[in-house]
C-alpha atoms as a PDB file:
ATOM      1  CA  UNK A   1      87.576  97.762  67.349  1.00  0.00           C
ATOM      2  CA  UNK A   2      85.632  97.415  71.418  1.00  0.00           C
ATOM      3  CA  UNK A   3      86.128  94.720  73.304  1.00  0.00           C
ATOM      4  CA  UNK A   4      83.553  91.844  73.835  1.00  0.00           C
ATOM      5  CA  UNK A   5      82.458  90.368  77.413  1.00  0.00           C
ATOM      6  CA  UNK A   6      83.761  86.698  77.333  1.00  0.00           C
ATOM      7  CA  UNK A   7      79.866  84.848  78.189  1.00  0.00           C
ATOM      8  CA  UNK A   8      77.118  86.966  77.522  1.00  0.00           C
ATOM      9  CA  UNK A   9      75.486  90.030  79.984  1.00  0.00           C
ATOM     10  CA  UNK A  10      71.602  89.776  80.265  1.00  0.00           C
ATOM     11  CA  UNK A  11      70.423  94.006  81.234  1.00  0.00           C
ATOM     12  CA  UNK A  12      67.391  94.299  82.382  1.00  0.00           C
ATOM     13  CA  UNK A  13      64.384  96.053  80.022  1.00  0.00           C
ATOM     14  CA  UNK A  14      60.813  95.985  79.755  1.00  0.00           C
ATOM     15  CA  UNK A  15      60.450  92.124  80.204  1.00  0.00           C
ATOM     16  CA  UNK A  16      61.743  92.057  83.214  1.00  0.00           C
ATOM     17  CA  UNK A  17      64.992  90.274  83.073  1.00  0.00           C
ATOM     18  CA  UNK A  18      67.799  90.559  85.887  1.00  0.00           C
ATOM     19  CA  UNK A  19      70.843  92.364  85.322  1.00  0.00           C
ATOM     20  CA  UNK A  20      73.635  89.347  85.456  1.00  0.00           C
ATOM     21  CA  UNK A  21      77.585  90.465  85.787  1.00  0.00           C
ATOM     22  CA  UNK A  22      80.107  88.998  85.302  1.00  0.00           C
ATOM     23  CA  UNK A  23      81.796  87.107  88.437  1.00  0.00           C
ATOM     24  CA  UNK A  24      84.649  89.552  89.592  1.00  0.00           C
ATOM     25  CA  UNK A  25      87.309  87.536  91.074  1.00  0.00           C
ATOM     26  CA  UNK A  26      88.441  90.928  93.385  1.00  0.00           C
ATOM     27  CA  UNK A  27      84.891  90.514  94.932  1.00  0.00           C
ATOM     28  CA  UNK A  28      84.694  93.833  95.048  1.00  0.00           C
ATOM     29  CA  UNK A  29      88.287  96.079  94.464  1.00  0.00           C
ATOM     30  CA  UNK A  30      89.179  96.888  90.878  1.00  0.00           C
ATOM     31  CA  UNK A  31      93.076  95.835  89.738  1.00  0.00           C
ATOM     32  CA  UNK A  32      93.886  99.748  90.964  1.00  0.00           C
ATOM     33  CA  UNK A  33      92.690  99.241  94.123  1.00  0.00           C
ATOM     34  CA  UNK A  34      90.306 102.149  94.518  1.00  0.00           C
ATOM     35  CA  UNK A  35      87.154 101.145  92.199  1.00  0.00           C
ATOM     36  CA  UNK A  36      84.660  99.122  95.142  1.00  0.00           C
ATOM     37  CA  UNK A  37      81.353  96.974  94.568  1.00  0.00           C
ATOM     38  CA  UNK A  38      77.776  97.782  95.578  1.00  0.00           C
ATOM     39  CA  UNK A  39      74.981  95.602  95.918  1.00  0.00           C
ATOM     40  CA  UNK A  40      71.223  96.506  96.038  1.00  0.00           C
ATOM     41  CA  UNK A  41      68.619  94.041  97.742  1.00  0.00           C
ATOM     42  CA  UNK A  42      67.857  92.085  94.405  1.00  0.00           C
ATOM     43  CA  UNK A  43      71.347  91.553  93.774  1.00  0.00           C
ATOM     44  CA  UNK A  44      72.717  94.048  91.211  1.00  0.00           C
ATOM     45  CA  UNK A  45      75.780  95.071  91.140  1.00  0.00           C
ATOM     46  CA  UNK A  46      77.625  97.925  89.909  1.00  0.00           C
ATOM     47  CA  UNK A  47      81.601  99.509  90.577  1.00  0.00           C
ATOM     48  CA  UNK A  48      82.461 103.219  91.025  1.00  0.00           C
ATOM     49  CA  UNK A  49      84.922 104.575  93.909  1.00  0.00           C
ATOM     50  CA  UNK A  50      84.030 104.535  97.724  1.00  0.00           C
ATOM     51  CA  UNK A  51      81.413 106.117  99.409  1.00  0.00           C
ATOM     52  CA  UNK A  52      78.445 107.111  96.717  1.00  0.00           C
ATOM     53  CA  UNK A  53      75.319 107.022  97.437  1.00  0.00           C
ATOM     54  CA  UNK A  54      73.175 105.028  94.953  1.00  0.00           C
ATOM     55  CA  UNK A  55      69.708 103.139  94.916  1.00  0.00           C
ATOM     56  CA  UNK A  56      68.424 100.363  92.506  1.00  0.00           C
ATOM     57  CA  UNK A  57      65.467 101.377  89.739  1.00  0.00           C
ATOM     58  CA  UNK A  58      64.900  97.775  89.996  1.00  0.00           C
ATOM     59  CA  UNK A  59      63.617  96.750  93.234  1.00  0.00           C
ATOM     60  CA  UNK A  60      64.231 100.417  95.074  1.00  0.00           C
ATOM     61  CA  UNK A  61      66.855  99.788  97.744  1.00  0.00           C
ATOM     62  CA  UNK A  62      69.814 101.680  98.361  1.00  0.00           C
ATOM     63  CA  UNK A  63      73.066  99.218  97.027  1.00  0.00           C
ATOM     64  CA  UNK A  64      75.942  98.736  99.856  1.00  0.00           C
ATOM     65  CA  UNK A  65      79.377  99.063  99.920  1.00  0.00           C
ATOM     66  CA  UNK A  66      81.111  95.559  99.620  1.00  0.00           C
END
């Protein structure tokens, strides 16, 4: 059985809704300490390894490592 988020997450689609991620209590680091949080100009968040170069497809700005 797949894990289900504890609260709904809206993902941007053709209707222009913004992405809304659950709050991250670790503020940018995962429990393992290897993943970093990246945020773009419109407030979308992604997590990945340090040193990634990412660009947002919604607001066309670079993600910055937090």
